[in-house]
Amino acid sequence: MYDRLRAAILSLGYVPGEKLTERGLEADLDASRTPIRAALLRLEAAGLVRRDGRGWCVTPIDLTEIRALSEYREAVEAAAVRLAAERASHSDLLALSSSLDDDAEFATEEEGIQSGSDFHALLAQLSGNSFMAESIRGVMTRLLRTRWLEVRTAESRKQARDEHRAIVAALRLRDADRAVALVLAHNRGTTERTLRFLSEERRRLRGRGFAIVESAPAAPPLE
């Protein structure tokens, strides 16, 4: 039950800010109250739902959280990539490169999201540091809902694949500095596109029921 409800939230089947009731979820998911309540409590701990009076609601998309996750991801992934350039075996890098070549040229949104998340998780895993790998998996999960918006076109999915290929090519040459520079540019570009889309489309998305908030103002640029 937890997996079904989590997947529905991450894929925007239940949109950010949408009100949920245990009775309504019973009907939607054809399940009894007890497993639904247990799933909601786990989802609350994961930050995907929160209590709303006597009911629940899907956690809104928070622009401040997206920026914070991006900063955290940059720091961890840059360090992981540098370690991967030293530690990853030739066969591991070849396998990662081959997995990108196997991607369908016009993958669906769902396939594009899964492929992108898997790539970054595997990339961090090649660092040989389990804490870094777990951190990146957690960040990618927190960003899944907004990634549905960022990879909405075949062009954006192709751009992501091309950037992934360039990162792996640098790693295969053991060029740590170039690999780090590429992964940082990739992550920043993704974040900028996502934030720009959410800012430009906030009114339209709110009209579709999306709750988009900013829990803290963006930090001003340094002079």
N, C-alpha and C. Protein backbone atom coordinates (compact mmCIF):
# COMPACT_ATOMS: atom_id res chain seq x y z
N MET A 1 0.82 -1.20 0.00
CA MET A 1 0.00 0.00 0.00
C MET A 1 0.86 1.27 0.00
N TYR A 2 1.91 1.23 0.83
CA TYR A 2 2.82 2.38 0.88
C TYR A 2 3.42 2.65 -0.50
N ASP A 3 3.89 1.59 -1.16
CA ASP A 3 4.53 1.77 -2.46
C ASP A 3 3.55 2.33 -3.50
N ARG A 4 2.30 1.85 -3.47
CA ARG A 4 1.30 2.32 -4.44
C ARG A 4 0.99 3.80 -4.23
N LEU A 5 0.81 4.18 -2.97
CA LEU A 5 0.46 5.57 -2.68
C LEU A 5 1.66 6.49 -2.93
N ARG A 6 2.84 6.03 -2.58
CA ARG A 6 4.07 6.82 -2.82
C ARG A 6 4.25 7.04 -4.32
N ALA A 7 4.07 5.98 -5.13
CA ALA A 7 4.23 6.11 -6.57
C ALA A 7 3.21 7.08 -7.15
N ALA A 8 1.99 7.06 -6.64
CA ALA A 8 0.95 7.97 -7.14
C ALA A 8 1.29 9.42 -6.82
N ILE A 9 1.89 9.66 -5.67
CA ILE A 9 2.25 11.02 -5.28
C ILE A 9 3.46 11.50 -6.10
N LEU A 10 4.47 10.64 -6.23
CA LEU A 10 5.68 11.03 -6.95
C LEU A 10 5.42 11.25 -8.43
N SER A 11 4.44 10.56 -9.00
CA SER A 11 4.11 10.72 -10.42
C SER A 11 3.04 11.77 -10.64
N LEU A 12 2.68 12.49 -9.58
CA LEU A 12 1.68 13.56 -9.62
C LEU A 12 0.27 13.04 -9.89
N GLY A 13 0.05 11.76 -9.59
CA GLY A 13 -1.31 11.24 -9.62
C GLY A 13 -2.17 11.95 -8.58
N TYR A 14 -1.56 12.23 -7.44
CA TYR A 14 -2.12 13.13 -6.45
C TYR A 14 -1.21 14.37 -6.45
N VAL A 15 -1.77 15.52 -6.79
CA VAL A 15 -0.94 16.69 -7.03
C VAL A 15 -0.55 17.37 -5.73
N PRO A 16 0.54 18.14 -5.73
CA PRO A 16 0.98 18.85 -4.53
C PRO A 16 -0.13 19.74 -3.98
N GLY A 17 -0.40 19.59 -2.68
CA GLY A 17 -1.43 20.38 -2.03
C GLY A 17 -2.80 19.72 -2.02
N GLU A 18 -2.96 18.61 -2.77
CA GLU A 18 -4.27 17.96 -2.84
C GLU A 18 -4.65 17.38 -1.48
N LYS A 19 -5.89 17.59 -1.10
CA LYS A 19 -6.38 17.06 0.17
C LYS A 19 -6.68 15.58 0.02
N LEU A 20 -6.33 14.82 1.05
CA LEU A 20 -6.54 13.38 1.07
C LEU A 20 -7.33 12.99 2.31
N THR A 21 -8.21 12.04 2.16
CA THR A 21 -8.91 11.48 3.31
C THR A 21 -8.72 9.98 3.28
N GLU A 22 -8.71 9.39 4.45
CA GLU A 22 -8.56 7.94 4.52
C GLU A 22 -9.72 7.25 3.81
N ARG A 23 -10.92 7.80 3.96
CA ARG A 23 -12.08 7.20 3.32
C ARG A 23 -11.96 7.29 1.79
N GLY A 24 -11.49 8.45 1.30
CA GLY A 24 -11.33 8.60 -0.14
C GLY A 24 -10.27 7.67 -0.70
N LEU A 25 -9.18 7.49 0.05
CA LEU A 25 -8.11 6.61 -0.40
C LEU A 25 -8.57 5.14 -0.37
N GLU A 26 -9.44 4.82 0.59
CA GLU A 26 -9.99 3.46 0.60
C GLU A 26 -10.66 3.16 -0.73
N ALA A 27 -11.46 4.11 -1.22
CA ALA A 27 -12.16 3.92 -2.49
C ALA A 27 -11.19 3.92 -3.67
N ASP A 28 -10.24 4.86 -3.66
CA ASP A 28 -9.30 4.97 -4.78
C ASP A 28 -8.44 3.72 -4.93
N LEU A 29 -7.98 3.21 -3.79
CA LEU A 29 -6.99 2.14 -3.81
C LEU A 29 -7.58 0.76 -3.48
N ASP A 30 -8.88 0.74 -3.24
CA ASP A 30 -9.56 -0.52 -2.92
C ASP A 30 -8.85 -1.24 -1.78
N ALA A 31 -8.68 -0.50 -0.68
CA ALA A 31 -7.95 -1.04 0.48
C ALA A 31 -8.68 -0.65 1.75
N SER A 32 -8.32 -1.28 2.83
CA SER A 32 -8.95 -0.99 4.12
C SER A 32 -8.22 0.15 4.82
N ARG A 33 -8.84 0.64 5.87
CA ARG A 33 -8.34 1.83 6.55
C ARG A 33 -6.96 1.63 7.19
N THR A 34 -6.73 0.47 7.80
CA THR A 34 -5.49 0.27 8.57
C THR A 34 -4.23 0.38 7.71
N PRO A 35 -4.11 -0.32 6.58
CA PRO A 35 -2.88 -0.17 5.77
C PRO A 35 -2.75 1.23 5.17
N ILE A 36 -3.87 1.88 4.87
CA ILE A 36 -3.80 3.25 4.35
C ILE A 36 -3.26 4.19 5.41
N ARG A 37 -3.74 4.04 6.63
CA ARG A 37 -3.25 4.91 7.71
C ARG A 37 -1.76 4.67 7.95
N ALA A 38 -1.33 3.41 7.93
CA ALA A 38 0.08 3.10 8.11
C ALA A 38 0.92 3.70 6.99
N ALA A 39 0.41 3.63 5.76
CA ALA A 39 1.14 4.20 4.62
C ALA A 39 1.25 5.71 4.75
N LEU A 40 0.18 6.37 5.18
CA LEU A 40 0.20 7.82 5.34
C LEU A 40 1.21 8.25 6.40
N LEU A 41 1.31 7.48 7.47
CA LEU A 41 2.29 7.82 8.52
C LEU A 41 3.71 7.69 7.99
N ARG A 42 3.98 6.68 7.18
CA ARG A 42 5.31 6.54 6.58
C ARG A 42 5.58 7.65 5.58
N LEU A 43 4.57 8.02 4.81
CA LEU A 43 4.73 9.11 3.84
C LEU A 43 4.93 10.45 4.54
N GLU A 44 4.30 10.62 5.69
CA GLU A 44 4.52 11.83 6.48
C GLU A 44 5.98 11.92 6.92
N ALA A 45 6.52 10.80 7.38
CA ALA A 45 7.92 10.77 7.81
C ALA A 45 8.86 11.06 6.65
N ALA A 46 8.44 10.66 5.43
CA ALA A 46 9.26 10.90 4.23
C ALA A 46 9.07 12.29 3.66
N GLY A 47 8.15 13.07 4.23
CA GLY A 47 7.93 14.44 3.77
C GLY A 47 7.04 14.57 2.56
N LEU A 48 6.31 13.51 2.20
CA LEU A 48 5.47 13.56 1.01
C LEU A 48 4.01 13.93 1.31
N VAL A 49 3.56 13.72 2.53
CA VAL A 49 2.24 14.18 2.94
C VAL A 49 2.37 14.85 4.30
N ARG A 50 1.36 15.62 4.65
CA ARG A 50 1.33 16.22 5.98
C ARG A 50 -0.11 16.31 6.45
N ARG A 51 -0.27 16.45 7.75
CA ARG A 51 -1.61 16.52 8.31
C ARG A 51 -2.25 17.85 7.96
N ASP A 52 -3.55 17.79 7.72
CA ASP A 52 -4.31 18.98 7.35
C ASP A 52 -5.64 18.93 8.11
N GLY A 53 -5.63 19.52 9.31
CA GLY A 53 -6.81 19.41 10.17
C GLY A 53 -6.99 17.96 10.60
N ARG A 54 -8.16 17.42 10.31
CA ARG A 54 -8.43 16.03 10.66
C ARG A 54 -8.08 15.08 9.51
N GLY A 55 -7.64 15.65 8.40
CA GLY A 55 -7.27 14.83 7.25
C GLY A 55 -5.80 14.98 6.91
N TRP A 56 -5.51 14.83 5.63
CA TRP A 56 -4.14 14.89 5.13
C TRP A 56 -4.10 15.70 3.85
N CYS A 57 -2.91 16.11 3.45
CA CYS A 57 -2.75 16.69 2.12
C CYS A 57 -1.36 16.33 1.61
N VAL A 58 -1.24 16.29 0.30
CA VAL A 58 0.07 16.07 -0.33
C VAL A 58 0.92 17.31 -0.08
N THR A 59 2.15 17.10 0.31
CA THR A 59 3.04 18.22 0.61
C THR A 59 3.22 19.10 -0.63
N PRO A 60 3.06 20.42 -0.49
CA PRO A 60 3.25 21.32 -1.63
C PRO A 60 4.68 21.26 -2.16
N ILE A 61 4.86 21.66 -3.40
CA ILE A 61 6.21 21.84 -3.95
C ILE A 61 6.78 23.13 -3.37
N ASP A 62 7.94 23.03 -2.77
CA ASP A 62 8.57 24.15 -2.09
C ASP A 62 9.81 24.58 -2.87
N LEU A 63 9.78 25.78 -3.43
CA LEU A 63 10.92 26.27 -4.23
C LEU A 63 12.18 26.38 -3.38
N THR A 64 12.02 26.75 -2.11
CA THR A 64 13.18 26.84 -1.22
C THR A 64 13.83 25.48 -1.03
N GLU A 65 13.00 24.44 -0.90
CA GLU A 65 13.53 23.09 -0.73
C GLU A 65 14.28 22.64 -1.98
N ILE A 66 13.76 22.99 -3.16
CA ILE A 66 14.43 22.60 -4.40
C ILE A 66 15.82 23.21 -4.45
N ARG A 67 15.93 24.49 -4.08
CA ARG A 67 17.25 25.14 -4.09
C ARG A 67 18.19 24.49 -3.07
N ALA A 68 17.68 24.19 -1.88
CA ALA A 68 18.51 23.59 -0.84
C ALA A 68 18.97 22.20 -1.25
N LEU A 69 18.07 21.41 -1.82
CA LEU A 69 18.45 20.08 -2.29
C LEU A 69 19.50 20.16 -3.39
N SER A 70 19.37 21.15 -4.27
CA SER A 70 20.34 21.31 -5.34
C SER A 70 21.72 21.63 -4.79
N GLU A 71 21.79 22.51 -3.80
CA GLU A 71 23.08 22.85 -3.18
C GLU A 71 23.70 21.62 -2.52
N TYR A 72 22.88 20.87 -1.80
CA TYR A 72 23.37 19.67 -1.12
C TYR A 72 23.84 18.63 -2.13
N ARG A 73 23.03 18.45 -3.18
CA ARG A 73 23.37 17.48 -4.22
C ARG A 73 24.68 17.85 -4.91
N GLU A 74 24.88 19.13 -5.18
CA GLU A 74 26.13 19.57 -5.82
C GLU A 74 27.34 19.15 -5.01
N ALA A 75 27.28 19.42 -3.70
CA ALA A 75 28.42 19.13 -2.84
C ALA A 75 28.72 17.64 -2.79
N VAL A 76 27.68 16.84 -2.60
CA VAL A 76 27.87 15.39 -2.47
C VAL A 76 28.26 14.76 -3.80
N GLU A 77 27.53 15.13 -4.87
CA GLU A 77 27.78 14.47 -6.15
C GLU A 77 29.14 14.86 -6.73
N ALA A 78 29.58 16.08 -6.52
CA ALA A 78 30.91 16.47 -7.01
C ALA A 78 31.99 15.62 -6.34
N ALA A 79 31.86 15.43 -5.03
CA ALA A 79 32.83 14.61 -4.31
C ALA A 79 32.74 13.15 -4.76
N ALA A 80 31.53 12.66 -4.98
CA ALA A 80 31.34 11.27 -5.41
C ALA A 80 31.95 11.04 -6.78
N VAL A 81 31.76 11.98 -7.69
CA VAL A 81 32.30 11.84 -9.05
C VAL A 81 33.82 11.86 -9.02
N ARG A 82 34.39 12.70 -8.18
CA ARG A 82 35.86 12.74 -8.09
C ARG A 82 36.40 11.40 -7.60
N LEU A 83 35.72 10.80 -6.63
CA LEU A 83 36.14 9.49 -6.15
C LEU A 83 35.92 8.42 -7.21
N ALA A 84 34.82 8.53 -7.94
CA ALA A 84 34.54 7.55 -9.00
C ALA A 84 35.63 7.56 -10.06
N ALA A 85 36.16 8.73 -10.37
CA ALA A 85 37.23 8.83 -11.37
C ALA A 85 38.47 8.04 -10.93
N GLU A 86 38.66 7.93 -9.61
CA GLU A 86 39.80 7.19 -9.08
C GLU A 86 39.50 5.71 -8.88
N ARG A 87 38.25 5.41 -8.45
CA ARG A 87 37.96 4.07 -7.95
C ARG A 87 37.17 3.17 -8.89
N ALA A 88 36.37 3.74 -9.76
CA ALA A 88 35.49 2.92 -10.60
C ALA A 88 36.31 2.05 -11.55
N SER A 89 35.89 0.80 -11.69
CA SER A 89 36.60 -0.09 -12.60
C SER A 89 36.23 0.23 -14.05
N HIS A 90 37.08 -0.21 -14.94
CA HIS A 90 36.79 0.00 -16.37
C HIS A 90 35.48 -0.66 -16.76
N SER A 91 35.24 -1.86 -16.24
CA SER A 91 34.02 -2.59 -16.59
C SER A 91 32.77 -1.88 -16.06
N ASP A 92 32.86 -1.29 -14.87
CA ASP A 92 31.72 -0.57 -14.32
C ASP A 92 31.38 0.65 -15.16
N LEU A 93 32.41 1.38 -15.57
CA LEU A 93 32.18 2.57 -16.39
C LEU A 93 31.66 2.19 -17.77
N LEU A 94 32.15 1.09 -18.30
CA LEU A 94 31.67 0.62 -19.60
C LEU A 94 30.20 0.22 -19.50
N ALA A 95 29.84 -0.43 -18.41
CA ALA A 95 28.44 -0.83 -18.21
C ALA A 95 27.53 0.40 -18.09
N LEU A 96 28.00 1.42 -17.37
CA LEU A 96 27.20 2.63 -17.22
C LEU A 96 27.04 3.33 -18.57
N SER A 97 28.11 3.36 -19.35
CA SER A 97 28.04 3.97 -20.68
C SER A 97 27.09 3.19 -21.58
N SER A 98 27.16 1.87 -21.52
CA SER A 98 26.29 1.03 -22.35
C SER A 98 24.82 1.21 -21.98
N SER A 99 24.55 1.40 -20.69
CA SER A 99 23.16 1.58 -20.27
C SER A 99 22.57 2.85 -20.86
N LEU A 100 23.40 3.87 -21.06
CA LEU A 100 22.92 5.11 -21.67
C LEU A 100 22.69 4.90 -23.17
N ASP A 101 23.54 4.11 -23.81
CA ASP A 101 23.36 3.84 -25.24
C ASP A 101 22.11 3.02 -25.50
N ASP A 102 21.71 2.23 -24.50
CA ASP A 102 20.54 1.37 -24.66
C ASP A 102 19.23 2.14 -24.48
N ASP A 103 19.29 3.36 -23.91
CA ASP A 103 18.07 4.14 -23.70
C ASP A 103 17.37 4.41 -25.02
N ALA A 104 16.07 4.29 -25.03
CA ALA A 104 15.30 4.61 -26.24
C ALA A 104 15.42 6.09 -26.55
N GLU A 105 15.56 6.40 -27.80
CA GLU A 105 15.76 7.80 -28.21
C GLU A 105 14.59 8.68 -27.81
N PHE A 106 13.38 8.12 -27.85
CA PHE A 106 12.21 8.91 -27.48
C PHE A 106 11.51 8.27 -26.30
N ALA A 107 12.24 8.12 -25.21
CA ALA A 107 11.68 7.51 -24.01
C ALA A 107 10.51 8.33 -23.49
N THR A 108 9.59 7.64 -22.83
CA THR A 108 8.46 8.33 -22.23
C THR A 108 8.94 9.13 -21.03
N GLU A 109 8.06 9.99 -20.51
CA GLU A 109 8.41 10.77 -19.32
C GLU A 109 8.82 9.85 -18.18
N GLU A 110 8.01 8.82 -17.94
CA GLU A 110 8.31 7.91 -16.83
C GLU A 110 9.65 7.22 -17.01
N GLU A 111 9.93 6.76 -18.23
CA GLU A 111 11.20 6.11 -18.50
C GLU A 111 12.36 7.09 -18.37
N GLY A 112 12.14 8.33 -18.81
CA GLY A 112 13.18 9.34 -18.70
C GLY A 112 13.52 9.66 -17.26
N ILE A 113 12.50 9.76 -16.43
CA ILE A 113 12.71 10.05 -15.01
C ILE A 113 13.45 8.90 -14.34
N GLN A 114 12.98 7.67 -14.59
CA GLN A 114 13.62 6.51 -13.96
C GLN A 114 15.06 6.36 -14.42
N SER A 115 15.29 6.56 -15.72
CA SER A 115 16.65 6.46 -16.25
C SER A 115 17.57 7.49 -15.63
N GLY A 116 17.07 8.74 -15.50
CA GLY A 116 17.89 9.79 -14.91
C GLY A 116 18.21 9.53 -13.46
N SER A 117 17.21 9.12 -12.69
CA SER A 117 17.43 8.83 -11.28
C SER A 117 18.40 7.66 -11.11
N ASP A 118 18.22 6.61 -11.93
CA ASP A 118 19.11 5.46 -11.86
C ASP A 118 20.55 5.85 -12.19
N PHE A 119 20.70 6.72 -13.19
CA PHE A 119 22.05 7.14 -13.58
C PHE A 119 22.77 7.80 -12.42
N HIS A 120 22.11 8.75 -11.77
CA HIS A 120 22.77 9.48 -10.68
C HIS A 120 23.03 8.59 -9.48
N ALA A 121 22.13 7.64 -9.22
CA ALA A 121 22.36 6.70 -8.12
C ALA A 121 23.57 5.81 -8.41
N LEU A 122 23.65 5.32 -9.64
CA LEU A 122 24.78 4.46 -10.02
C LEU A 122 26.09 5.24 -10.04
N LEU A 123 26.01 6.48 -10.49
CA LEU A 123 27.21 7.33 -10.52
C LEU A 123 27.76 7.50 -9.11
N ALA A 124 26.89 7.79 -8.16
CA ALA A 124 27.34 7.95 -6.78
C ALA A 124 27.86 6.63 -6.21
N GLN A 125 27.24 5.54 -6.60
CA GLN A 125 27.67 4.23 -6.12
C GLN A 125 29.09 3.91 -6.56
N LEU A 126 29.48 4.41 -7.74
CA LEU A 126 30.84 4.15 -8.24
C LEU A 126 31.91 4.85 -7.40
N SER A 127 31.50 5.74 -6.52
CA SER A 127 32.46 6.38 -5.62
C SER A 127 33.02 5.38 -4.62
N GLY A 128 32.29 4.29 -4.39
CA GLY A 128 32.71 3.33 -3.38
C GLY A 128 32.35 3.76 -1.98
N ASN A 129 31.60 4.85 -1.86
CA ASN A 129 31.22 5.37 -0.54
C ASN A 129 29.70 5.20 -0.39
N SER A 130 29.28 4.30 0.48
CA SER A 130 27.86 3.98 0.61
C SER A 130 27.05 5.15 1.16
N PHE A 131 27.68 6.01 1.99
CA PHE A 131 26.95 7.15 2.53
C PHE A 131 26.62 8.16 1.43
N MET A 132 27.59 8.40 0.55
CA MET A 132 27.33 9.29 -0.58
C MET A 132 26.24 8.73 -1.49
N ALA A 133 26.32 7.43 -1.77
CA ALA A 133 25.34 6.80 -2.64
C ALA A 133 23.94 6.91 -2.05
N GLU A 134 23.81 6.66 -0.75
CA GLU A 134 22.51 6.75 -0.11
C GLU A 134 21.99 8.18 -0.10
N SER A 135 22.88 9.15 0.08
CA SER A 135 22.47 10.56 0.07
C SER A 135 21.90 10.95 -1.28
N ILE A 136 22.57 10.55 -2.36
CA ILE A 136 22.09 10.91 -3.70
C ILE A 136 20.77 10.22 -4.01
N ARG A 137 20.61 8.97 -3.59
CA ARG A 137 19.32 8.30 -3.80
C ARG A 137 18.20 9.06 -3.09
N GLY A 138 18.48 9.52 -1.88
CA GLY A 138 17.47 10.28 -1.14
C GLY A 138 17.12 11.59 -1.80
N VAL A 139 18.12 12.30 -2.28
CA VAL A 139 17.89 13.58 -2.96
C VAL A 139 17.07 13.37 -4.23
N MET A 140 17.42 12.36 -5.01
CA MET A 140 16.70 12.13 -6.25
C MET A 140 15.24 11.77 -5.99
N THR A 141 14.99 11.06 -4.90
CA THR A 141 13.60 10.75 -4.54
C THR A 141 12.84 12.02 -4.19
N ARG A 142 13.47 12.90 -3.41
CA ARG A 142 12.79 14.14 -3.02
C ARG A 142 12.50 15.02 -4.23
N LEU A 143 13.31 14.89 -5.29
CA LEU A 143 13.14 15.73 -6.48
C LEU A 143 12.26 15.09 -7.55
N LEU A 144 11.77 13.87 -7.31
CA LEU A 144 11.05 13.16 -8.35
C LEU A 144 9.83 13.91 -8.86
N ARG A 145 9.07 14.54 -7.96
CA ARG A 145 7.85 15.22 -8.41
C ARG A 145 8.17 16.36 -9.37
N THR A 146 9.20 17.12 -9.07
CA THR A 146 9.53 18.23 -9.96
C THR A 146 10.19 17.74 -11.24
N ARG A 147 10.82 16.57 -11.19
CA ARG A 147 11.43 16.03 -12.41
C ARG A 147 10.35 15.64 -13.43
N TRP A 148 9.16 15.31 -12.97
CA TRP A 148 8.07 15.04 -13.92
C TRP A 148 7.78 16.28 -14.75
N LEU A 149 8.01 17.44 -14.19
CA LEU A 149 7.78 18.68 -14.91
C LEU A 149 8.97 19.04 -15.80
N GLU A 150 10.19 18.71 -15.33
CA GLU A 150 11.40 19.13 -16.04
C GLU A 150 11.66 18.29 -17.28
N VAL A 151 11.25 17.01 -17.29
CA VAL A 151 11.55 16.14 -18.45
C VAL A 151 10.28 15.91 -19.28
N ARG A 152 9.48 16.95 -19.40
CA ARG A 152 8.17 16.80 -20.05
C ARG A 152 8.25 16.70 -21.56
N THR A 153 9.40 16.97 -22.18
CA THR A 153 9.51 16.89 -23.63
C THR A 153 10.62 15.91 -24.01
N ALA A 154 10.51 15.35 -25.22
CA ALA A 154 11.55 14.45 -25.73
C ALA A 154 12.89 15.17 -25.83
N GLU A 155 12.85 16.47 -26.17
CA GLU A 155 14.08 17.25 -26.30
C GLU A 155 14.81 17.35 -24.95
N SER A 156 14.05 17.59 -23.89
CA SER A 156 14.69 17.72 -22.57
C SER A 156 15.28 16.39 -22.11
N ARG A 157 14.60 15.29 -22.45
CA ARG A 157 15.12 13.98 -22.08
C ARG A 157 16.39 13.66 -22.87
N LYS A 158 16.41 14.04 -24.15
CA LYS A 158 17.61 13.82 -24.96
C LYS A 158 18.78 14.66 -24.43
N GLN A 159 18.50 15.90 -24.03
CA GLN A 159 19.56 16.75 -23.49
C GLN A 159 20.16 16.11 -22.24
N ALA A 160 19.31 15.58 -21.37
CA ALA A 160 19.80 14.95 -20.15
C ALA A 160 20.67 13.74 -20.48
N ARG A 161 20.25 12.91 -21.43
CA ARG A 161 21.03 11.73 -21.81
C ARG A 161 22.39 12.14 -22.38
N ASP A 162 22.39 13.17 -23.23
CA ASP A 162 23.65 13.63 -23.82
C ASP A 162 24.61 14.13 -22.74
N GLU A 163 24.09 14.83 -21.76
CA GLU A 163 24.94 15.33 -20.67
C GLU A 163 25.45 14.17 -19.81
N HIS A 164 24.60 13.17 -19.60
CA HIS A 164 25.06 11.98 -18.86
C HIS A 164 26.19 11.28 -19.60
N ARG A 165 26.05 11.17 -20.90
CA ARG A 165 27.09 10.51 -21.70
C ARG A 165 28.41 11.26 -21.60
N ALA A 166 28.35 12.58 -21.61
CA ALA A 166 29.59 13.38 -21.53
C ALA A 166 30.27 13.18 -20.18
N ILE A 167 29.48 13.06 -19.12
CA ILE A 167 30.05 12.83 -17.78
C ILE A 167 30.78 11.49 -17.75
N VAL A 168 30.13 10.45 -18.28
CA VAL A 168 30.75 9.12 -18.28
C VAL A 168 32.00 9.10 -19.17
N ALA A 169 31.96 9.81 -20.29
CA ALA A 169 33.13 9.86 -21.17
C ALA A 169 34.34 10.46 -20.43
N ALA A 170 34.10 11.51 -19.65
CA ALA A 170 35.19 12.11 -18.88
C ALA A 170 35.71 11.15 -17.82
N LEU A 171 34.82 10.40 -17.20
CA LEU A 171 35.25 9.42 -16.19
C LEU A 171 36.08 8.31 -16.82
N ARG A 172 35.69 7.89 -18.01
CA ARG A 172 36.45 6.82 -18.67
C ARG A 172 37.85 7.27 -19.03
N LEU A 173 38.03 8.59 -19.20
CA LEU A 173 39.37 9.14 -19.44
C LEU A 173 40.10 9.45 -18.14
N ARG A 174 39.40 9.20 -17.00
CA ARG A 174 39.94 9.49 -15.66
C ARG A 174 40.24 10.98 -15.49
N ASP A 175 39.42 11.79 -16.16
CA ASP A 175 39.56 13.25 -16.07
C ASP A 175 38.58 13.74 -15.00
N ALA A 176 39.02 13.71 -13.74
CA ALA A 176 38.13 14.04 -12.62
C ALA A 176 37.64 15.48 -12.69
N ASP A 177 38.54 16.41 -13.03
CA ASP A 177 38.15 17.82 -13.05
C ASP A 177 37.05 18.07 -14.07
N ARG A 178 37.19 17.48 -15.26
CA ARG A 178 36.17 17.67 -16.30
C ARG A 178 34.86 16.99 -15.90
N ALA A 179 34.94 15.81 -15.32
CA ALA A 179 33.72 15.10 -14.90
C ALA A 179 32.97 15.90 -13.85
N VAL A 180 33.70 16.47 -12.90
CA VAL A 180 33.05 17.28 -11.86
C VAL A 180 32.42 18.52 -12.48
N ALA A 181 33.15 19.19 -13.37
CA ALA A 181 32.61 20.39 -14.01
C ALA A 181 31.33 20.07 -14.79
N LEU A 182 31.31 18.93 -15.47
CA LEU A 182 30.14 18.54 -16.25
C LEU A 182 28.95 18.20 -15.36
N VAL A 183 29.19 17.49 -14.27
CA VAL A 183 28.08 17.12 -13.40
C VAL A 183 27.50 18.35 -12.70
N LEU A 184 28.36 19.31 -12.36
CA LEU A 184 27.87 20.54 -11.74
C LEU A 184 27.04 21.35 -12.74
N ALA A 185 27.53 21.45 -13.97
CA ALA A 185 26.78 22.18 -15.00
C ALA A 185 25.44 21.50 -15.27
N HIS A 186 25.44 20.19 -15.30
CA HIS A 186 24.21 19.42 -15.54
C HIS A 186 23.20 19.68 -14.42
N ASN A 187 23.65 19.57 -13.18
CA ASN A 187 22.75 19.75 -12.04
C ASN A 187 22.21 21.17 -11.97
N ARG A 188 23.08 22.14 -12.20
CA ARG A 188 22.63 23.54 -12.14
C ARG A 188 21.66 23.85 -13.27
N GLY A 189 21.92 23.32 -14.44
CA GLY A 189 21.01 23.54 -15.56
C GLY A 189 19.64 22.95 -15.29
N THR A 190 19.62 21.74 -14.73
CA THR A 190 18.35 21.10 -14.40
C THR A 190 17.58 21.92 -13.37
N THR A 191 18.28 22.38 -12.34
CA THR A 191 17.61 23.17 -11.30
C THR A 191 17.09 24.48 -11.86
N GLU A 192 17.90 25.15 -12.67
CA GLU A 192 17.46 26.44 -13.23
C GLU A 192 16.25 26.27 -14.13
N ARG A 193 16.24 25.22 -14.94
CA ARG A 193 15.07 24.98 -15.82
C ARG A 193 13.82 24.67 -15.01
N THR A 194 13.99 23.88 -13.97
CA THR A 194 12.84 23.51 -13.13
C THR A 194 12.27 24.74 -12.43
N LEU A 195 13.14 25.53 -11.82
CA LEU A 195 12.67 26.72 -11.09
C LEU A 195 12.06 27.74 -12.04
N ARG A 196 12.65 27.88 -13.22
CA ARG A 196 12.09 28.82 -14.20
C ARG A 196 10.70 28.37 -14.64
N PHE A 197 10.56 27.07 -14.91
CA PHE A 197 9.25 26.54 -15.32
C PHE A 197 8.21 26.76 -14.22
N LEU A 198 8.59 26.45 -12.98
CA LEU A 198 7.63 26.59 -11.88
C LEU A 198 7.26 28.05 -11.66
N SER A 199 8.22 28.94 -11.81
CA SER A 199 7.94 30.37 -11.63
C SER A 199 7.04 30.89 -12.74
N GLU A 200 7.36 30.50 -13.99
CA GLU A 200 6.59 31.00 -15.12
C GLU A 200 5.19 30.40 -15.18
N GLU A 201 5.07 29.15 -14.74
CA GLU A 201 3.80 28.44 -14.88
C GLU A 201 3.04 28.34 -13.56
N ARG A 202 3.48 29.09 -12.54
CA ARG A 202 2.87 28.93 -11.22
C ARG A 202 1.36 29.17 -11.25
N ARG A 203 0.94 30.21 -11.94
CA ARG A 203 -0.49 30.52 -11.96
C ARG A 203 -1.28 29.41 -12.65
N ARG A 204 -0.76 28.92 -13.79
CA ARG A 204 -1.47 27.87 -14.51
C ARG A 204 -1.51 26.57 -13.70
N LEU A 205 -0.38 26.25 -13.06
CA LEU A 205 -0.33 25.04 -12.26
C LEU A 205 -1.27 25.13 -11.06
N ARG A 206 -1.33 26.31 -10.47
CA ARG A 206 -2.27 26.48 -9.36
C ARG A 206 -3.70 26.29 -9.84
N GLY A 207 -3.97 26.70 -11.07
CA GLY A 207 -5.30 26.49 -11.63
C GLY A 207 -5.63 25.02 -11.77
N ARG A 208 -4.60 24.18 -11.89
CA ARG A 208 -4.79 22.72 -11.98
C ARG A 208 -4.77 22.08 -10.60
N GLY A 209 -4.65 22.91 -9.54
CA GLY A 209 -4.69 22.39 -8.18
C GLY A 209 -3.34 22.20 -7.54
N PHE A 210 -2.24 22.55 -8.24
CA PHE A 210 -0.91 22.40 -7.66
C PHE A 210 -0.68 23.48 -6.59
N ALA A 211 -0.14 23.07 -5.47
CA ALA A 211 0.28 24.03 -4.44
C ALA A 211 1.79 24.22 -4.55
N ILE A 212 2.21 25.43 -4.89
CA ILE A 212 3.63 25.76 -5.01
C ILE A 212 3.92 26.89 -4.04
N VAL A 213 4.85 26.66 -3.12
CA VAL A 213 5.14 27.63 -2.07
C VAL A 213 6.62 27.96 -2.08
N GLU A 214 6.96 28.98 -1.32
CA GLU A 214 8.37 29.34 -1.10
C GLU A 214 8.50 29.65 0.38
N SER A 215 9.06 28.66 1.11
CA SER A 215 9.10 28.76 2.57
C SER A 215 10.07 29.81 3.05
N ALA A 216 11.03 30.21 2.20
CA ALA A 216 11.97 31.28 2.54
C ALA A 216 12.37 31.94 1.24
N PRO A 217 12.63 33.25 1.27
CA PRO A 217 13.04 33.94 0.04
C PRO A 217 14.38 33.45 -0.44
N ALA A 218 14.58 33.51 -1.76
CA ALA A 218 15.87 33.13 -2.34
C ALA A 218 16.95 34.08 -1.85
N ALA A 219 18.13 33.51 -1.60
CA ALA A 219 19.26 34.34 -1.14
C ALA A 219 19.68 35.29 -2.26
N PRO A 220 19.97 36.56 -1.92
CA PRO A 220 20.40 37.49 -2.96
C PRO A 220 21.77 37.13 -3.49
N PRO A 221 22.05 37.42 -4.76
CA PRO A 221 23.38 37.11 -5.30
C PRO A 221 24.45 37.94 -4.62
N LEU A 222 25.66 37.38 -4.54
CA LEU A 222 26.77 38.11 -3.94
C LEU A 222 27.22 39.22 -4.87
N GLU A 223 27.53 40.37 -4.32
CA GLU A 223 27.99 41.49 -5.13
C GLU A 223 29.45 41.26 -5.58
